[in-house]
Amino acid sequence: MKIINLILVVIIPLVYTGCRMGPTTYEVFERLNNARIGGVVFPAMRDKETIYDKEYYIYPIERPKGCIWGYIVKRSDEKKIIVGWRIISGEEFCKEQQAYSLF
């Protein structure tokens, strides 16, 4: 019974959540954000919508701490499809590690 508990409590969460390895770089941060282009804005972010310019909205995020950036969406788009992203402030903090997971 203790082996089953060990598998359920320790090993299975590691398989699904994975881990982060390697150096913390801007290139990884950029690659992860570029992968979201063409997708839709998360429903939880919709209340953070602010005007970027006369054609676009921006959805600001602070992640990692000190790095404020946001997804760009056309104002006329009802589906809220992401067309790009921009760093607003704290560019020196915009670094992430590569995350790995088995699933």
N, C-alpha and C. Protein backbone atom coordinates (compact mmCIF):
# COMPACT_ATOMS: atom_id res chain seq x y z
N MET A 1 0.81 -1.20 0.00
CA MET A 1 0.00 0.00 0.00
C MET A 1 0.86 1.27 0.00
N LYS A 2 2.01 1.23 0.67
CA LYS A 2 2.87 2.41 0.73
C LYS A 2 3.48 2.72 -0.63
N ILE A 3 3.74 1.70 -1.43
CA ILE A 3 4.29 1.93 -2.77
C ILE A 3 3.27 2.63 -3.64
N ILE A 4 2.02 2.23 -3.55
CA ILE A 4 0.96 2.89 -4.33
C ILE A 4 0.82 4.34 -3.90
N ASN A 5 0.86 4.61 -2.61
CA ASN A 5 0.80 5.99 -2.13
C ASN A 5 1.98 6.80 -2.64
N LEU A 6 3.17 6.23 -2.66
CA LEU A 6 4.35 6.91 -3.18
C LEU A 6 4.15 7.27 -4.65
N ILE A 7 3.64 6.34 -5.41
CA ILE A 7 3.41 6.60 -6.84
C ILE A 7 2.37 7.70 -7.02
N LEU A 8 1.29 7.62 -6.29
CA LEU A 8 0.21 8.60 -6.45
C LEU A 8 0.60 9.99 -5.96
N VAL A 9 1.35 10.08 -4.90
CA VAL A 9 1.66 11.37 -4.30
C VAL A 9 2.90 12.03 -4.90
N VAL A 10 3.90 11.28 -5.27
CA VAL A 10 5.16 11.85 -5.69
C VAL A 10 5.39 11.74 -7.19
N ILE A 11 5.28 10.57 -7.72
CA ILE A 11 5.69 10.34 -9.11
C ILE A 11 4.69 10.87 -10.13
N ILE A 12 3.41 10.62 -9.96
CA ILE A 12 2.42 11.05 -10.94
C ILE A 12 2.37 12.57 -11.09
N PRO A 13 2.38 13.36 -10.01
CA PRO A 13 2.41 14.82 -10.21
C PRO A 13 3.65 15.30 -10.97
N LEU A 14 4.78 14.66 -10.78
CA LEU A 14 5.99 15.04 -11.52
C LEU A 14 5.85 14.75 -13.01
N VAL A 15 5.18 13.67 -13.35
CA VAL A 15 4.99 13.30 -14.75
C VAL A 15 4.14 14.34 -15.46
N TYR A 16 3.08 14.81 -14.81
CA TYR A 16 2.17 15.75 -15.45
C TYR A 16 2.63 17.20 -15.36
N THR A 17 3.25 17.60 -14.28
CA THR A 17 3.67 18.99 -14.15
C THR A 17 5.05 19.23 -14.74
N GLY A 18 5.90 18.21 -14.76
CA GLY A 18 7.22 18.35 -15.33
C GLY A 18 8.16 19.14 -14.45
N CYS A 19 9.21 19.65 -15.08
CA CYS A 19 10.18 20.44 -14.35
C CYS A 19 10.79 21.46 -15.29
N ARG A 20 11.49 22.40 -14.74
CA ARG A 20 12.18 23.43 -15.53
C ARG A 20 13.67 23.18 -15.41
N MET A 21 14.35 23.22 -16.55
CA MET A 21 15.79 22.96 -16.58
C MET A 21 16.46 23.94 -17.52
N GLY A 22 17.76 24.08 -17.34
CA GLY A 22 18.56 24.90 -18.23
C GLY A 22 18.64 26.35 -17.80
N PRO A 23 19.33 27.15 -18.61
CA PRO A 23 19.51 28.55 -18.26
C PRO A 23 18.22 29.36 -18.43
N THR A 24 18.11 30.43 -17.68
CA THR A 24 17.00 31.36 -17.79
C THR A 24 17.38 32.39 -18.83
N THR A 25 16.68 32.38 -20.00
CA THR A 25 17.06 33.27 -21.09
C THR A 25 15.85 33.98 -21.70
N TYR A 26 16.13 35.08 -22.40
CA TYR A 26 15.09 35.80 -23.13
C TYR A 26 14.59 34.96 -24.30
N GLU A 27 15.45 34.19 -24.92
CA GLU A 27 15.07 33.39 -26.09
C GLU A 27 13.97 32.39 -25.75
N VAL A 28 14.04 31.77 -24.58
CA VAL A 28 12.99 30.84 -24.15
C VAL A 28 11.69 31.61 -23.90
N PHE A 29 11.78 32.76 -23.25
CA PHE A 29 10.62 33.63 -23.02
C PHE A 29 9.96 33.99 -24.35
N GLU A 30 10.75 34.39 -25.32
CA GLU A 30 10.24 34.77 -26.63
C GLU A 30 9.59 33.59 -27.35
N ARG A 31 10.22 32.44 -27.32
CA ARG A 31 9.68 31.24 -27.98
C ARG A 31 8.33 30.82 -27.38
N LEU A 32 8.22 30.87 -26.06
CA LEU A 32 6.96 30.49 -25.40
C LEU A 32 5.84 31.46 -25.76
N ASN A 33 6.13 32.75 -25.85
CA ASN A 33 5.10 33.72 -26.21
C ASN A 33 4.75 33.65 -27.69
N ASN A 34 5.72 33.41 -28.55
CA ASN A 34 5.43 33.28 -29.98
C ASN A 34 4.55 32.07 -30.26
N ALA A 35 4.63 31.05 -29.43
CA ALA A 35 3.82 29.85 -29.62
C ALA A 35 2.33 30.15 -29.42
N ARG A 36 1.98 31.20 -28.69
CA ARG A 36 0.58 31.55 -28.45
C ARG A 36 -0.03 32.40 -29.56
N ILE A 37 0.78 32.92 -30.48
CA ILE A 37 0.25 33.74 -31.57
C ILE A 37 -0.64 32.86 -32.45
N GLY A 38 -1.83 33.35 -32.74
CA GLY A 38 -2.81 32.60 -33.51
C GLY A 38 -3.84 31.91 -32.63
N GLY A 39 -3.57 31.84 -31.32
CA GLY A 39 -4.53 31.28 -30.37
C GLY A 39 -5.45 32.38 -29.86
N VAL A 40 -6.33 32.03 -28.96
CA VAL A 40 -7.25 33.02 -28.41
C VAL A 40 -6.80 33.44 -27.00
N VAL A 41 -7.24 34.61 -26.59
CA VAL A 41 -6.93 35.12 -25.26
C VAL A 41 -7.68 34.28 -24.23
N PHE A 42 -7.02 33.94 -23.13
CA PHE A 42 -7.65 33.19 -22.05
C PHE A 42 -8.85 33.97 -21.51
N PRO A 43 -9.96 33.29 -21.23
CA PRO A 43 -11.14 34.01 -20.70
C PRO A 43 -10.85 34.78 -19.42
N ALA A 44 -9.96 34.29 -18.57
CA ALA A 44 -9.63 34.98 -17.32
C ALA A 44 -8.92 36.31 -17.57
N MET A 45 -8.33 36.50 -18.74
CA MET A 45 -7.59 37.72 -19.05
C MET A 45 -8.48 38.81 -19.65
N ARG A 46 -9.69 38.47 -20.05
CA ARG A 46 -10.52 39.42 -20.79
C ARG A 46 -10.85 40.68 -20.00
N ASP A 47 -10.84 40.62 -18.68
CA ASP A 47 -11.13 41.82 -17.89
C ASP A 47 -9.94 42.77 -17.81
N LYS A 48 -8.77 42.35 -18.29
CA LYS A 48 -7.56 43.19 -18.27
C LYS A 48 -7.36 43.97 -19.57
N GLU A 49 -8.33 43.91 -20.45
CA GLU A 49 -8.21 44.53 -21.77
C GLU A 49 -8.02 46.04 -21.66
N THR A 50 -6.97 46.54 -22.32
CA THR A 50 -6.73 47.99 -22.39
C THR A 50 -6.42 48.35 -23.84
N ILE A 51 -6.60 49.61 -24.18
CA ILE A 51 -6.37 50.07 -25.55
C ILE A 51 -4.88 50.26 -25.78
N TYR A 52 -4.34 49.62 -26.82
CA TYR A 52 -2.93 49.73 -27.18
C TYR A 52 -2.74 50.89 -28.15
N ASP A 53 -3.52 50.91 -29.21
CA ASP A 53 -3.58 52.03 -30.14
C ASP A 53 -4.94 51.98 -30.83
N LYS A 54 -5.14 52.73 -31.91
CA LYS A 54 -6.48 52.80 -32.49
C LYS A 54 -6.92 51.51 -33.17
N GLU A 55 -6.00 50.56 -33.42
CA GLU A 55 -6.37 49.30 -34.06
C GLU A 55 -6.30 48.09 -33.14
N TYR A 56 -5.60 48.20 -32.00
CA TYR A 56 -5.33 47.02 -31.18
C TYR A 56 -5.65 47.22 -29.71
N TYR A 57 -6.02 46.08 -29.05
CA TYR A 57 -6.09 45.99 -27.60
C TYR A 57 -4.85 45.26 -27.12
N ILE A 58 -4.47 45.49 -25.87
CA ILE A 58 -3.38 44.73 -25.25
C ILE A 58 -3.88 44.18 -23.92
N TYR A 59 -3.46 42.97 -23.60
CA TYR A 59 -3.83 42.31 -22.35
C TYR A 59 -2.56 42.16 -21.51
N PRO A 60 -2.29 43.11 -20.61
CA PRO A 60 -1.02 43.10 -19.86
C PRO A 60 -0.93 41.97 -18.83
N ILE A 61 0.29 41.44 -18.70
CA ILE A 61 0.61 40.36 -17.78
C ILE A 61 1.94 40.70 -17.11
N GLU A 62 2.09 40.38 -15.84
CA GLU A 62 3.40 40.50 -15.18
C GLU A 62 3.87 39.11 -14.81
N ARG A 63 4.69 38.55 -15.68
CA ARG A 63 5.25 37.22 -15.45
C ARG A 63 6.48 37.06 -16.32
N PRO A 64 7.61 36.77 -15.80
CA PRO A 64 7.98 36.65 -14.39
C PRO A 64 7.96 38.01 -13.70
N LYS A 65 8.15 37.99 -12.40
CA LYS A 65 8.07 39.20 -11.58
C LYS A 65 9.00 40.28 -12.14
N GLY A 66 8.45 41.47 -12.35
CA GLY A 66 9.22 42.60 -12.86
C GLY A 66 9.11 42.78 -14.36
N CYS A 67 8.66 41.77 -15.08
CA CYS A 67 8.51 41.83 -16.54
C CYS A 67 7.04 42.02 -16.87
N ILE A 68 6.70 43.19 -17.39
CA ILE A 68 5.32 43.47 -17.77
C ILE A 68 5.24 43.47 -19.29
N TRP A 69 4.42 42.59 -19.81
CA TRP A 69 4.25 42.44 -21.25
C TRP A 69 2.78 42.11 -21.52
N GLY A 70 2.39 42.04 -22.80
CA GLY A 70 0.99 41.75 -23.07
C GLY A 70 0.77 41.20 -24.46
N TYR A 71 -0.34 40.47 -24.59
CA TYR A 71 -0.77 39.95 -25.89
C TYR A 71 -1.51 41.05 -26.62
N ILE A 72 -1.30 41.13 -27.94
CA ILE A 72 -1.94 42.13 -28.79
C ILE A 72 -3.05 41.45 -29.59
N VAL A 73 -4.25 42.11 -29.62
CA VAL A 73 -5.42 41.59 -30.33
C VAL A 73 -6.05 42.74 -31.11
N LYS A 74 -6.52 42.45 -32.33
CA LYS A 74 -7.20 43.49 -33.10
C LYS A 74 -8.50 43.88 -32.42
N ARG A 75 -8.80 45.17 -32.41
CA ARG A 75 -10.01 45.66 -31.74
C ARG A 75 -11.27 45.17 -32.44
N SER A 76 -11.22 44.95 -33.74
CA SER A 76 -12.39 44.54 -34.50
C SER A 76 -12.64 43.02 -34.43
N ASP A 77 -11.74 42.28 -33.82
CA ASP A 77 -11.84 40.83 -33.76
C ASP A 77 -12.67 40.38 -32.56
N GLU A 78 -13.83 39.79 -32.82
CA GLU A 78 -14.69 39.32 -31.73
C GLU A 78 -14.17 38.05 -31.08
N LYS A 79 -13.41 37.25 -31.81
CA LYS A 79 -12.88 35.99 -31.27
C LYS A 79 -11.67 36.21 -30.37
N LYS A 80 -11.07 37.39 -30.41
CA LYS A 80 -9.89 37.75 -29.60
C LYS A 80 -8.69 36.84 -29.91
N ILE A 81 -8.35 36.77 -31.20
CA ILE A 81 -7.20 35.97 -31.63
C ILE A 81 -5.93 36.81 -31.47
N ILE A 82 -4.92 36.22 -30.84
CA ILE A 82 -3.66 36.91 -30.56
C ILE A 82 -2.87 37.09 -31.86
N VAL A 83 -2.48 38.34 -32.15
CA VAL A 83 -1.69 38.61 -33.35
C VAL A 83 -0.24 38.94 -33.03
N GLY A 84 0.08 39.12 -31.76
CA GLY A 84 1.45 39.42 -31.36
C GLY A 84 1.53 39.69 -29.87
N TRP A 85 2.71 40.08 -29.42
CA TRP A 85 2.92 40.44 -28.01
C TRP A 85 4.02 41.49 -27.94
N ARG A 86 3.97 42.30 -26.90
CA ARG A 86 4.96 43.37 -26.71
C ARG A 86 5.36 43.45 -25.24
N ILE A 87 6.62 43.80 -25.01
CA ILE A 87 7.09 44.06 -23.65
C ILE A 87 6.77 45.52 -23.34
N ILE A 88 6.11 45.73 -22.20
CA ILE A 88 5.74 47.08 -21.78
C ILE A 88 6.84 47.69 -20.93
N SER A 89 7.34 46.93 -19.95
CA SER A 89 8.45 47.42 -19.12
C SER A 89 9.16 46.25 -18.46
N GLY A 90 10.37 46.52 -18.00
CA GLY A 90 11.15 45.51 -17.29
C GLY A 90 11.76 44.45 -18.19
N GLU A 91 12.25 44.86 -19.36
CA GLU A 91 12.79 43.90 -20.32
C GLU A 91 13.92 43.04 -19.74
N GLU A 92 14.68 43.58 -18.81
CA GLU A 92 15.79 42.83 -18.22
C GLU A 92 15.30 41.66 -17.36
N PHE A 93 14.02 41.68 -16.96
CA PHE A 93 13.45 40.58 -16.17
C PHE A 93 12.72 39.55 -17.02
N CYS A 94 12.59 39.79 -18.31
CA CYS A 94 11.81 38.91 -19.20
C CYS A 94 12.65 37.71 -19.64
N LYS A 95 12.84 36.79 -18.71
CA LYS A 95 13.62 35.58 -18.97
C LYS A 95 12.91 34.40 -18.33
N GLU A 96 12.94 33.24 -18.99
CA GLU A 96 12.32 32.04 -18.45
C GLU A 96 13.20 30.83 -18.73
N GLN A 97 12.94 29.77 -17.97
CA GLN A 97 13.60 28.49 -18.20
C GLN A 97 12.70 27.60 -19.05
N GLN A 98 13.30 26.69 -19.77
CA GLN A 98 12.54 25.73 -20.56
C GLN A 98 11.85 24.74 -19.63
N ALA A 99 10.57 24.50 -19.86
CA ALA A 99 9.81 23.54 -19.05
C ALA A 99 9.71 22.22 -19.82
N TYR A 100 9.85 21.12 -19.12
CA TYR A 100 9.76 19.80 -19.71
C TYR A 100 8.68 19.00 -18.99
N SER A 101 7.93 18.22 -19.75
CA SER A 101 6.91 17.35 -19.19
C SER A 101 6.79 16.12 -20.07
N LEU A 102 6.40 15.01 -19.47
CA LEU A 102 6.22 13.79 -20.26
C LEU A 102 4.91 13.78 -21.03
N PHE A 103 3.96 14.61 -20.59
CA PHE A 103 2.66 14.67 -21.29
C PHE A 103 2.33 16.07 -21.67
